């Protein structure tokens, strides 16, 4: 199923998309599967039986029960219990490092480094996927505004595939990892690129370069695992003010979804409704093109079949 989360009658609702224009409300509430939880978290926590029941309800719903998508206030499709940001695209990292050097050392030095192709990633990056903990409290919906932090002049976007955990587990093996995946969605990991560049070149991890209000945009739709037989076969597009800025694909992930789930679970229990981001697709960010966002821009990120985020920069 393709699932969404939205506000209706001042309540958070969960619906299944039946076509490009309609959803069926699954009529879940806080007590449906996991008392006291968000209804999508409850559905995820309910496991196979909950998902099977939801699928049957959607399949049997009469057309009079359909809701038009264009009349809904869409929320992030899941409220993450935790957020981890991996970075598994070699091309994106190399492009971003080269642009970062150019930003700090100047165009002449930067262009020379690009021509020589001397930028190399650390050997450890190839051995296993690594991540940092993101701010799950800064998640906003797919059509919400993105607020520019007052300390940046280089606001940037990152188009990323995100994994939604379905089953709890610790020390999960690669071979069993996909059993713990509920589904996938689209994440825009917003960055204050000038601040982030300084943080990374100083030898520290991401801090205020990533950590600010409206810094993580999720959605609009969450596809269950069976809808995505190959997470490396998805295509994306970035548009700013209606103009295509770049296209990208998930095909060049260096590490697999299984390896990311397994790594996140080493010595730490994964819980349902956690989100693991795979990192930015190659050419899925502005820094790779040395172009950034301005106040008033309309940013549109598409990753099929999760739909399109439309965010105004304010």
C-alpha atoms as a PDB file:
ATOM      1  CA  UNK A   1       0.000   0.000   0.000  1.00  0.00           C
ATOM      2  CA  UNK A   2       0.875   3.664  -0.379  1.00  0.00           C
ATOM      3  CA  UNK A   3       0.043   5.345   2.921  1.00  0.00           C
ATOM      4  CA  UNK A   4      -0.346   8.933   4.043  1.00  0.00           C
ATOM      5  CA  UNK A   5      -0.953  10.886   7.215  1.00  0.00           C
ATOM      6  CA  UNK A   6      -3.102  14.006   7.316  1.00  0.00           C
ATOM      7  CA  UNK A   7      -5.273  16.251   9.466  1.00  0.00           C
ATOM      8  CA  UNK A   8      -9.056  15.909   9.288  1.00  0.00           C
ATOM      9  CA  UNK A   9     -11.582  17.169  11.831  1.00  0.00           C
ATOM     10  CA  UNK A  10      -8.654  18.308  14.016  1.00  0.00           C
ATOM     11  CA  UNK A  11      -7.399  14.736  14.275  1.00  0.00           C
ATOM     12  CA  UNK A  12      -4.426  12.952  12.747  1.00  0.00           C
ATOM     13  CA  UNK A  13      -5.694  10.410  10.257  1.00  0.00           C
ATOM     14  CA  UNK A  14      -4.079   7.651   8.184  1.00  0.00           C
ATOM     15  CA  UNK A  15      -5.207   6.872   4.655  1.00  0.00           C
ATOM     16  CA  UNK A  16      -4.306   4.514   1.809  1.00  0.00           C
ATOM     17  CA  UNK A  17      -3.836   6.092  -1.623  1.00  0.00           C
ATOM     18  CA  UNK A  18      -6.128   4.405  -4.130  1.00  0.00           C
ATOM     19  CA  UNK A  19      -5.186   6.539  -7.163  1.00  0.00           C
ATOM     20  CA  UNK A  20      -3.443   9.829  -7.927  1.00  0.00           C
ATOM     21  CA  UNK A  21      -6.395  11.842  -6.657  1.00  0.00           C
ATOM     22  CA  UNK A  22      -7.946   9.880  -3.775  1.00  0.00           C
ATOM     23  CA  UNK A  23      -7.254   8.192  -0.450  1.00  0.00           C
ATOM     24  CA  UNK A  24      -9.359   5.918   1.705  1.00  0.00           C
ATOM     25  CA  UNK A  25      -9.367   6.761   5.397  1.00  0.00           C
ATOM     26  CA  UNK A  26      -8.334   3.654   7.354  1.00  0.00           C
ATOM     27  CA  UNK A  27     -10.287   4.870  10.397  1.00  0.00           C
ATOM     28  CA  UNK A  28      -7.429   4.223  12.794  1.00  0.00           C
ATOM     29  CA  UNK A  29      -7.294   5.955  16.137  1.00  0.00           C
ATOM     30  CA  UNK A  30      -4.909   6.007  19.080  1.00  0.00           C
ATOM     31  CA  UNK A  31      -6.289   2.733  20.455  1.00  0.00           C
ATOM     32  CA  UNK A  32      -6.443   0.782  17.182  1.00  0.00           C
ATOM     33  CA  UNK A  33      -3.173  -1.126  17.582  1.00  0.00           C
ATOM     34  CA  UNK A  34      -0.916   0.537  20.146  1.00  0.00           C
ATOM     35  CA  UNK A  35      -2.727   2.601  22.790  1.00  0.00           C
ATOM     36  CA  UNK A  36      -1.420   6.118  23.283  1.00  0.00           C
ATOM     37  CA  UNK A  37       0.532   6.311  20.031  1.00  0.00           C
ATOM     38  CA  UNK A  38       0.187   8.220  16.789  1.00  0.00           C
ATOM     39  CA  UNK A  39      -2.113   6.189  14.477  1.00  0.00           C
ATOM     40  CA  UNK A  40       0.614   5.576  11.866  1.00  0.00           C
ATOM     41  CA  UNK A  41       3.024   4.468  14.589  1.00  0.00           C
ATOM     42  CA  UNK A  42       0.267   2.200  15.870  1.00  0.00           C
ATOM     43  CA  UNK A  43      -0.240   0.692  12.422  1.00  0.00           C
ATOM     44  CA  UNK A  44       3.494   0.075  12.015  1.00  0.00           C
ATOM     45  CA  UNK A  45       3.791  -1.401  15.497  1.00  0.00           C
ATOM     46  CA  UNK A  46       0.826  -3.674  14.820  1.00  0.00           C
ATOM     47  CA  UNK A  47       2.898  -5.652  12.331  1.00  0.00           C
ATOM     48  CA  UNK A  48       1.606  -7.967   9.621  1.00  0.00           C
ATOM     49  CA  UNK A  49      -1.878  -8.425  11.091  1.00  0.00           C
ATOM     50  CA  UNK A  50      -2.469  -4.679  11.352  1.00  0.00           C
ATOM     51  CA  UNK A  51      -1.257  -4.054   7.823  1.00  0.00           C
ATOM     52  CA  UNK A  52      -3.339  -6.934   6.450  1.00  0.00           C
ATOM     53  CA  UNK A  53      -6.471  -5.585   8.146  1.00  0.00           C
ATOM     54  CA  UNK A  54      -5.780  -2.087   6.817  1.00  0.00           C
ATOM     55  CA  UNK A  55      -5.309  -3.433   3.297  1.00  0.00           C
ATOM     56  CA  UNK A  56      -8.614  -5.295   3.419  1.00  0.00           C
ATOM     57  CA  UNK A  57     -10.401  -2.191   4.673  1.00  0.00           C
ATOM     58  CA  UNK A  58      -8.968  -0.106   1.831  1.00  0.00           C
ATOM     59  CA  UNK A  59      -9.841  -2.735  -0.786  1.00  0.00           C
ATOM     60  CA  UNK A  60     -13.459  -3.024   0.377  1.00  0.00           C
ATOM     61  CA  UNK A  61     -14.132   0.703   0.825  1.00  0.00           C
ATOM     62  CA  UNK A  62     -16.917   2.076  -1.385  1.00  0.00           C
ATOM     63  CA  UNK A  63     -16.097   5.049  -3.611  1.00  0.00           C
ATOM     64  CA  UNK A  64     -18.259   7.312  -1.466  1.00  0.00           C
ATOM     65  CA  UNK A  65     -15.661   6.830   1.274  1.00  0.00           C
ATOM     66  CA  UNK A  66     -12.850   8.243  -0.890  1.00  0.00           C
ATOM     67  CA  UNK A  67     -11.273  11.578   0.093  1.00  0.00           C
ATOM     68  CA  UNK A  68      -9.712  13.907  -2.470  1.00  0.00           C
ATOM     69  CA  UNK A  69      -5.996  14.351  -1.888  1.00  0.00           C
ATOM     70  CA  UNK A  70      -5.997  17.976  -3.026  1.00  0.00           C
ATOM     71  CA  UNK A  71      -8.306  18.823  -0.137  1.00  0.00           C
ATOM     72  CA  UNK A  72      -6.127  17.298   2.567  1.00  0.00           C
ATOM     73  CA  UNK A  73      -3.579  18.881   4.875  1.00  0.00           C
ATOM     74  CA  UNK A  74      -0.827  16.305   4.437  1.00  0.00           C
ATOM     75  CA  UNK A  75       1.552  15.684   7.330  1.00  0.00           C
ATOM     76  CA  UNK A  76       4.834  13.827   7.373  1.00  0.00           C
ATOM     77  CA  UNK A  77       3.749  10.218   6.726  1.00  0.00           C
ATOM     78  CA  UNK A  78       5.419   9.069   9.941  1.00  0.00           C
ATOM     79  CA  UNK A  79       6.419  10.814  13.164  1.00  0.00           C
ATOM     80  CA  UNK A  80       9.902   9.301  13.623  1.00  0.00           C
ATOM     81  CA  UNK A  81      10.719   7.879  17.034  1.00  0.00           C
ATOM     82  CA  UNK A  82      14.381   8.316  16.089  1.00  0.00           C
ATOM     83  CA  UNK A  83      16.131   9.624  12.996  1.00  0.00           C
ATOM     84  CA  UNK A  84      19.500   8.403  11.711  1.00  0.00           C
ATOM     85  CA  UNK A  85      21.190   9.908   8.666  1.00  0.00           C
ATOM     86  CA  UNK A  86      23.506   7.656   6.671  1.00  0.00           C
ATOM     87  CA  UNK A  87      25.433   8.801   3.589  1.00  0.00           C
ATOM     88  CA  UNK A  88      25.993   5.989   1.101  1.00  0.00           C
ATOM     89  CA  UNK A  89      26.413   7.770  -2.257  1.00  0.00           C
ATOM     90  CA  UNK A  90      30.071   8.060  -3.209  1.00  0.00           C
ATOM     91  CA  UNK A  91      29.347  10.457  -6.066  1.00  0.00           C
ATOM     92  CA  UNK A  92      27.464  12.906  -3.861  1.00  0.00           C
ATOM     93  CA  UNK A  93      30.174  12.958  -1.210  1.00  0.00           C
ATOM     94  CA  UNK A  94      32.955  13.480  -3.733  1.00  0.00           C
ATOM     95  CA  UNK A  95      31.021  16.284  -5.453  1.00  0.00           C
ATOM     96  CA  UNK A  96      30.212  17.927  -2.124  1.00  0.00           C
ATOM     97  CA  UNK A  97      33.808  17.720  -0.846  1.00  0.00           C
ATOM     98  CA  UNK A  98      35.121  19.266  -4.058  1.00  0.00           C
ATOM     99  CA  UNK A  99      32.568  22.070  -3.862  1.00  0.00           C
ATOM    100  CA  UNK A 100      33.381  22.612  -0.186  1.00  0.00           C
ATOM    101  CA  UNK A 101      37.075  23.007  -1.018  1.00  0.00           C
ATOM    102  CA  UNK A 102      36.202  25.483  -3.756  1.00  0.00           C
ATOM    103  CA  UNK A 103      34.021  27.460  -1.348  1.00  0.00           C
ATOM    104  CA  UNK A 104      36.895  27.749   1.136  1.00  0.00           C
ATOM    105  CA  UNK A 105      39.955  27.956  -1.132  1.00  0.00           C
ATOM    106  CA  UNK A 106      38.555  29.824  -4.097  1.00  0.00           C
ATOM    107  CA  UNK A 107      37.550  28.962  -7.642  1.00  0.00           C
ATOM    108  CA  UNK A 108      41.060  28.584  -9.077  1.00  0.00           C
ATOM    109  CA  UNK A 109      42.183  26.063  -6.469  1.00  0.00           C
ATOM    110  CA  UNK A 110      38.817  24.304  -6.494  1.00  0.00           C
ATOM    111  CA  UNK A 111      38.746  23.862 -10.264  1.00  0.00           C
ATOM    112  CA  UNK A 112      42.304  22.510 -10.251  1.00  0.00           C
ATOM    113  CA  UNK A 113      41.375  19.927  -7.618  1.00  0.00           C
ATOM    114  CA  UNK A 114      38.329  18.871  -9.617  1.00  0.00           C
ATOM    115  CA  UNK A 115      40.477  18.347 -12.732  1.00  0.00           C
ATOM    116  CA  UNK A 116      43.047  16.219 -10.903  1.00  0.00           C
ATOM    117  CA  UNK A 117      40.329  14.113  -9.178  1.00  0.00           C
ATOM    118  CA  UNK A 118      42.503  13.751  -6.077  1.00  0.00           C
ATOM    119  CA  UNK A 119      39.588  13.846  -3.623  1.00  0.00           C
ATOM    120  CA  UNK A 120      39.238  10.415  -2.023  1.00  0.00           C
ATOM    121  CA  UNK A 121      36.862   9.241   0.663  1.00  0.00           C
ATOM    122  CA  UNK A 122      38.300   7.627   3.829  1.00  0.00           C
ATOM    123  CA  UNK A 123      38.828   3.875   3.519  1.00  0.00           C
ATOM    124  CA  UNK A 124      36.525   3.269   6.470  1.00  0.00           C
ATOM    125  CA  UNK A 125      33.622   4.753   4.507  1.00  0.00           C
ATOM    126  CA  UNK A 126      33.778   1.798   2.095  1.00  0.00           C
ATOM    127  CA  UNK A 127      33.928  -0.838   4.830  1.00  0.00           C
ATOM    128  CA  UNK A 128      30.624  -0.133   6.553  1.00  0.00           C
ATOM    129  CA  UNK A 129      27.868   2.492   6.418  1.00  0.00           C
ATOM    130  CA  UNK A 130      28.108   5.269   9.001  1.00  0.00           C
ATOM    131  CA  UNK A 131      25.517   7.724  10.266  1.00  0.00           C
ATOM    132  CA  UNK A 132      24.807  10.536  12.680  1.00  0.00           C
ATOM    133  CA  UNK A 133      21.661  10.991  14.763  1.00  0.00           C
ATOM    134  CA  UNK A 134      19.297  13.529  13.218  1.00  0.00           C
ATOM    135  CA  UNK A 135      16.747  15.727  14.950  1.00  0.00           C
ATOM    136  CA  UNK A 136      13.459  13.833  14.816  1.00  0.00           C
ATOM    137  CA  UNK A 137      11.710  16.776  16.507  1.00  0.00           C
ATOM    138  CA  UNK A 138      12.363  19.081  13.523  1.00  0.00           C
ATOM    139  CA  UNK A 139      10.350  16.985  11.022  1.00  0.00           C
ATOM    140  CA  UNK A 140       7.703  18.831   8.990  1.00  0.00           C
ATOM    141  CA  UNK A 141       5.246  17.833   6.304  1.00  0.00           C
ATOM    142  CA  UNK A 142       5.720  17.741   2.524  1.00  0.00           C
ATOM    143  CA  UNK A 143       3.990  21.057   1.827  1.00  0.00           C
ATOM    144  CA  UNK A 144       5.139  23.013   4.886  1.00  0.00           C
ATOM    145  CA  UNK A 145       7.375  26.065   4.658  1.00  0.00           C
ATOM    146  CA  UNK A 146      11.108  25.735   5.290  1.00  0.00           C
ATOM    147  CA  UNK A 147      12.365  28.498   7.582  1.00  0.00           C
ATOM    148  CA  UNK A 148      15.865  29.824   6.898  1.00  0.00           C
ATOM    149  CA  UNK A 149      17.986  29.757  10.089  1.00  0.00           C
ATOM    150  CA  UNK A 150      19.268  33.276  10.866  1.00  0.00           C
ATOM    151  CA  UNK A 151      22.927  32.216  10.720  1.00  0.00           C
ATOM    152  CA  UNK A 152      23.189  30.856   7.151  1.00  0.00           C
ATOM    153  CA  UNK A 153      23.456  32.378   3.694  1.00  0.00           C
ATOM    154  CA  UNK A 154      23.646  29.010   1.921  1.00  0.00           C
ATOM    155  CA  UNK A 155      20.470  27.075   2.606  1.00  0.00           C
ATOM    156  CA  UNK A 156      20.563  23.772   0.757  1.00  0.00           C
ATOM    157  CA  UNK A 157      18.402  20.709   0.104  1.00  0.00           C
ATOM    158  CA  UNK A 158      19.229  17.001  -0.060  1.00  0.00           C
ATOM    159  CA  UNK A 159      16.977  14.522  -1.845  1.00  0.00           C
ATOM    160  CA  UNK A 160      17.133  11.239   0.067  1.00  0.00           C
ATOM    161  CA  UNK A 161      15.450   7.857   0.247  1.00  0.00           C
ATOM    162  CA  UNK A 162      14.358   7.085   3.807  1.00  0.00           C
ATOM    163  CA  UNK A 163      13.752   3.667   5.375  1.00  0.00           C
ATOM    164  CA  UNK A 164      10.967   3.224   7.941  1.00  0.00           C
ATOM    165  CA  UNK A 165      11.612   0.498  10.523  1.00  0.00           C
ATOM    166  CA  UNK A 166       8.732  -1.908  11.121  1.00  0.00           C
ATOM    167  CA  UNK A 167       9.930  -4.585  13.539  1.00  0.00           C
ATOM    168  CA  UNK A 168      12.096  -4.134  16.634  1.00  0.00           C
ATOM    169  CA  UNK A 169      15.445  -5.840  16.725  1.00  0.00           C
ATOM    170  CA  UNK A 170      19.041  -5.672  17.910  1.00  0.00           C
ATOM    171  CA  UNK A 171      22.204  -7.050  16.271  1.00  0.00           C
ATOM    172  CA  UNK A 172      20.215  -7.801  13.129  1.00  0.00           C
ATOM    173  CA  UNK A 173      22.073  -9.709  10.403  1.00  0.00           C
ATOM    174  CA  UNK A 174      22.238  -8.483   6.812  1.00  0.00           C
ATOM    175  CA  UNK A 175      20.306 -11.542   5.750  1.00  0.00           C
ATOM    176  CA  UNK A 176      17.349 -10.775   8.026  1.00  0.00           C
ATOM    177  CA  UNK A 177      17.471  -6.974   7.860  1.00  0.00           C
ATOM    178  CA  UNK A 178      14.734  -6.441   5.258  1.00  0.00           C
ATOM    179  CA  UNK A 179      12.293  -8.300   7.522  1.00  0.00           C
ATOM    180  CA  UNK A 180      12.565  -5.274   9.829  1.00  0.00           C
ATOM    181  CA  UNK A 181      11.704  -2.726   7.127  1.00  0.00           C
ATOM    182  CA  UNK A 182       8.114  -1.482   7.056  1.00  0.00           C
ATOM    183  CA  UNK A 183       8.515   0.754   4.044  1.00  0.00           C
ATOM    184  CA  UNK A 184      10.148   3.761   2.435  1.00  0.00           C
ATOM    185  CA  UNK A 185       9.536   7.467   1.953  1.00  0.00           C
ATOM    186  CA  UNK A 186      11.238  10.663   0.744  1.00  0.00           C
ATOM    187  CA  UNK A 187      13.337  12.902   2.993  1.00  0.00           C
ATOM    188  CA  UNK A 188      14.668  16.391   2.320  1.00  0.00           C
ATOM    189  CA  UNK A 189      17.589  16.717   4.742  1.00  0.00           C
ATOM    190  CA  UNK A 190      17.847  20.523   4.746  1.00  0.00           C
ATOM    191  CA  UNK A 191      21.333  21.926   5.358  1.00  0.00           C
ATOM    192  CA  UNK A 192      22.918  25.246   6.308  1.00  0.00           C
ATOM    193  CA  UNK A 193      25.731  24.458   3.927  1.00  0.00           C
ATOM    194  CA  UNK A 194      28.198  27.198   4.859  1.00  0.00           C
ATOM    195  CA  UNK A 195      27.929  26.310   8.550  1.00  0.00           C
ATOM    196  CA  UNK A 196      28.077  22.569   7.853  1.00  0.00           C
ATOM    197  CA  UNK A 197      31.207  22.969   5.720  1.00  0.00           C
ATOM    198  CA  UNK A 198      32.991  24.764   8.560  1.00  0.00           C
ATOM    199  CA  UNK A 199      31.901  22.085  11.032  1.00  0.00           C
ATOM    200  CA  UNK A 200      33.117  19.211   8.870  1.00  0.00           C
ATOM    201  CA  UNK A 201      36.439  20.813   7.983  1.00  0.00           C
ATOM    202  CA  UNK A 202      37.032  21.504  11.682  1.00  0.00           C
ATOM    203  CA  UNK A 203      36.831  17.757  12.331  1.00  0.00           C
ATOM    204  CA  UNK A 204      33.479  17.722  14.144  1.00  0.00           C
ATOM    205  CA  UNK A 205      30.235  16.127  13.065  1.00  0.00           C
ATOM    206  CA  UNK A 206      27.106  17.976  11.883  1.00  0.00           C
ATOM    207  CA  UNK A 207      25.673  20.383  14.467  1.00  0.00           C
ATOM    208  CA  UNK A 208      23.932  23.646  13.552  1.00  0.00           C
ATOM    209  CA  UNK A 209      24.615  22.899   9.905  1.00  0.00           C
ATOM    210  CA  UNK A 210      21.816  20.340  10.133  1.00  0.00           C
ATOM    211  CA  UNK A 211      20.064  20.954  13.444  1.00  0.00           C
ATOM    212  CA  UNK A 212      17.355  23.623  13.158  1.00  0.00           C
ATOM    213  CA  UNK A 213      13.558  23.926  12.953  1.00  0.00           C
ATOM    214  CA  UNK A 214      11.968  22.610   9.709  1.00  0.00           C
ATOM    215  CA  UNK A 215      15.276  20.899   8.916  1.00  0.00           C
ATOM    216  CA  UNK A 216      13.755  17.536   7.916  1.00  0.00           C
ATOM    217  CA  UNK A 217      10.913  17.312   5.405  1.00  0.00           C
ATOM    218  CA  UNK A 218       9.226  13.893   5.051  1.00  0.00           C
ATOM    219  CA  UNK A 219       6.726  12.573   2.556  1.00  0.00           C
ATOM    220  CA  UNK A 220       4.281  12.987   1.094  1.00  0.00           C
ATOM    221  CA  UNK A 221       3.718   9.213   0.893  1.00  0.00           C
ATOM    222  CA  UNK A 222       5.051   6.101   2.591  1.00  0.00           C
ATOM    223  CA  UNK A 223       5.242   2.982   0.421  1.00  0.00           C
ATOM    224  CA  UNK A 224       5.202  -0.379   2.183  1.00  0.00           C
ATOM    225  CA  UNK A 225       8.187  -2.630   1.504  1.00  0.00           C
ATOM    226  CA  UNK A 226       6.367  -4.805  -1.048  1.00  0.00           C
ATOM    227  CA  UNK A 227       5.743  -1.717  -3.196  1.00  0.00           C
ATOM    228  CA  UNK A 228       9.507  -1.167  -3.604  1.00  0.00           C
ATOM    229  CA  UNK A 229      11.043  -4.457  -4.802  1.00  0.00           C
ATOM    230  CA  UNK A 230      14.342  -2.695  -5.585  1.00  0.00           C
ATOM    231  CA  UNK A 231      15.183   0.462  -3.583  1.00  0.00           C
ATOM    232  CA  UNK A 232      18.095   1.017  -5.988  1.00  0.00           C
ATOM    233  CA  UNK A 233      15.748   1.534  -8.951  1.00  0.00           C
ATOM    234  CA  UNK A 234      14.132   4.857  -8.020  1.00  0.00           C
ATOM    235  CA  UNK A 235      14.439   8.124  -9.941  1.00  0.00           C
ATOM    236  CA  UNK A 236      14.296  11.631  -8.534  1.00  0.00           C
ATOM    237  CA  UNK A 237      14.061  15.226  -9.725  1.00  0.00           C
ATOM    238  CA  UNK A 238      14.747  18.639  -8.181  1.00  0.00           C
ATOM    239  CA  UNK A 239      12.888  21.755  -9.364  1.00  0.00           C
ATOM    240  CA  UNK A 240      13.331  25.313  -8.093  1.00  0.00           C
ATOM    241  CA  UNK A 241      10.709  27.866  -9.125  1.00  0.00           C
ATOM    242  CA  UNK A 242       9.413  25.444 -11.742  1.00  0.00           C
ATOM    243  CA  UNK A 243      12.785  24.873 -13.427  1.00  0.00           C
ATOM    244  CA  UNK A 244      14.464  21.464 -13.349  1.00  0.00           C
ATOM    245  CA  UNK A 245      17.736  21.875 -11.480  1.00  0.00           C
ATOM    246  CA  UNK A 246      18.884  18.236 -11.521  1.00  0.00           C
ATOM    247  CA  UNK A 247      17.854  14.602 -11.783  1.00  0.00           C
ATOM    248  CA  UNK A 248      19.193  11.732  -9.721  1.00  0.00           C
ATOM    249  CA  UNK A 249      18.773   8.048  -8.983  1.00  0.00           C
ATOM    250  CA  UNK A 250      19.190   5.666  -6.069  1.00  0.00           C
ATOM    251  CA  UNK A 251      21.095   3.246  -8.329  1.00  0.00           C
ATOM    252  CA  UNK A 252      24.567   4.211  -7.113  1.00  0.00           C
ATOM    253  CA  UNK A 253      24.215   3.432  -3.401  1.00  0.00           C
ATOM    254  CA  UNK A 254      27.523   1.970  -2.269  1.00  0.00           C
ATOM    255  CA  UNK A 255      25.951   0.285   0.784  1.00  0.00           C
ATOM    256  CA  UNK A 256      22.674  -1.650   0.763  1.00  0.00           C
ATOM    257  CA  UNK A 257      19.492  -1.039   2.724  1.00  0.00           C
ATOM    258  CA  UNK A 258      20.173  -4.310   4.557  1.00  0.00           C
ATOM    259  CA  UNK A 259      23.629  -3.196   5.634  1.00  0.00           C
ATOM    260  CA  UNK A 260      22.276   0.122   6.959  1.00  0.00           C
ATOM    261  CA  UNK A 261      19.593  -1.582   9.034  1.00  0.00           C
ATOM    262  CA  UNK A 262      22.141  -4.072  10.366  1.00  0.00           C
ATOM    263  CA  UNK A 263      24.640  -1.321  11.232  1.00  0.00           C
ATOM    264  CA  UNK A 264      22.047   0.814  13.031  1.00  0.00           C
ATOM    265  CA  UNK A 265      21.056  -2.201  15.145  1.00  0.00           C
ATOM    266  CA  UNK A 266      24.567  -3.093  16.310  1.00  0.00           C
ATOM    267  CA  UNK A 267      24.305  -3.010  20.092  1.00  0.00           C
ATOM    268  CA  UNK A 268      21.191  -0.788  19.974  1.00  0.00           C
ATOM    269  CA  UNK A 269      17.593  -1.924  19.620  1.00  0.00           C
ATOM    270  CA  UNK A 270      15.741  -0.535  16.625  1.00  0.00           C
ATOM    271  CA  UNK A 271      12.105   0.353  17.283  1.00  0.00           C
ATOM    272  CA  UNK A 272       9.063   0.545  14.975  1.00  0.00           C
ATOM    273  CA  UNK A 273       8.634   3.951  13.310  1.00  0.00           C
ATOM    274  CA  UNK A 274      12.330   4.816  13.421  1.00  0.00           C
ATOM    275  CA  UNK A 275      13.585   6.403  10.204  1.00  0.00           C
ATOM    276  CA  UNK A 276      16.967   5.673   8.612  1.00  0.00           C
ATOM    277  CA  UNK A 277      17.958   8.010   5.794  1.00  0.00           C
ATOM    278  CA  UNK A 278      20.250   6.645   3.076  1.00  0.00           C
ATOM    279  CA  UNK A 279      21.824  10.062   2.433  1.00  0.00           C
ATOM    280  CA  UNK A 280      21.685  12.378  -0.552  1.00  0.00           C
ATOM    281  CA  UNK A 281      21.547  10.930  -4.056  1.00  0.00           C
ATOM    282  CA  UNK A 282      24.340  12.013  -6.398  1.00  0.00           C
ATOM    283  CA  UNK A 283      23.357  15.427  -7.859  1.00  0.00           C
ATOM    284  CA  UNK A 284      20.457  15.599  -5.384  1.00  0.00           C
ATOM    285  CA  UNK A 285      21.798  18.683  -3.551  1.00  0.00           C
ATOM    286  CA  UNK A 286      22.574  22.286  -4.374  1.00  0.00           C
ATOM    287  CA  UNK A 287      26.185  22.242  -3.211  1.00  0.00           C
ATOM    288  CA  UNK A 288      27.064  19.830  -6.002  1.00  0.00           C
ATOM    289  CA  UNK A 289      25.990  22.541  -8.472  1.00  0.00           C
ATOM    290  CA  UNK A 290      27.205  25.452  -6.300  1.00  0.00           C
ATOM    291  CA  UNK A 291      23.666  26.869  -6.179  1.00  0.00           C
ATOM    292  CA  UNK A 292      21.627  27.533  -3.046  1.00  0.00           C
ATOM    293  CA  UNK A 293      18.114  28.498  -2.017  1.00  0.00           C
ATOM    294  CA  UNK A 294      16.788  32.029  -1.533  1.00  0.00           C
ATOM    295  CA  UNK A 295      13.835  33.445   0.363  1.00  0.00           C
ATOM    296  CA  UNK A 296      10.661  33.032  -1.673  1.00  0.00           C
ATOM    297  CA  UNK A 297      11.908  30.057  -3.713  1.00  0.00           C
ATOM    298  CA  UNK A 298       9.507  27.182  -4.376  1.00  0.00           C
ATOM    299  CA  UNK A 299      11.446  23.942  -3.913  1.00  0.00           C
ATOM    300  CA  UNK A 300       9.977  20.746  -5.375  1.00  0.00           C
ATOM    301  CA  UNK A 301      11.571  17.368  -4.745  1.00  0.00           C
ATOM    302  CA  UNK A 302      10.196  14.235  -6.387  1.00  0.00           C
ATOM    303  CA  UNK A 303      11.164  10.628  -5.754  1.00  0.00           C
ATOM    304  CA  UNK A 304       8.842   8.111  -7.366  1.00  0.00           C
ATOM    305  CA  UNK A 305       6.524   6.610  -6.092  1.00  0.00           C
ATOM    306  CA  UNK A 306       6.514   8.807  -2.971  1.00  0.00           C
ATOM    307  CA  UNK A 307       5.195  11.910  -4.704  1.00  0.00           C
ATOM    308  CA  UNK A 308       6.433  15.487  -4.678  1.00  0.00           C
ATOM    309  CA  UNK A 309       7.331  17.761  -1.800  1.00  0.00           C
ATOM    310  CA  UNK A 310       6.502  21.432  -2.399  1.00  0.00           C
ATOM    311  CA  UNK A 311       8.154  23.744   0.114  1.00  0.00           C
ATOM    312  CA  UNK A 312       8.366  27.530   0.096  1.00  0.00           C
ATOM    313  CA  UNK A 313      11.571  29.006   1.549  1.00  0.00           C
ATOM    314  CA  UNK A 314      10.693  31.718   4.099  1.00  0.00           C
END
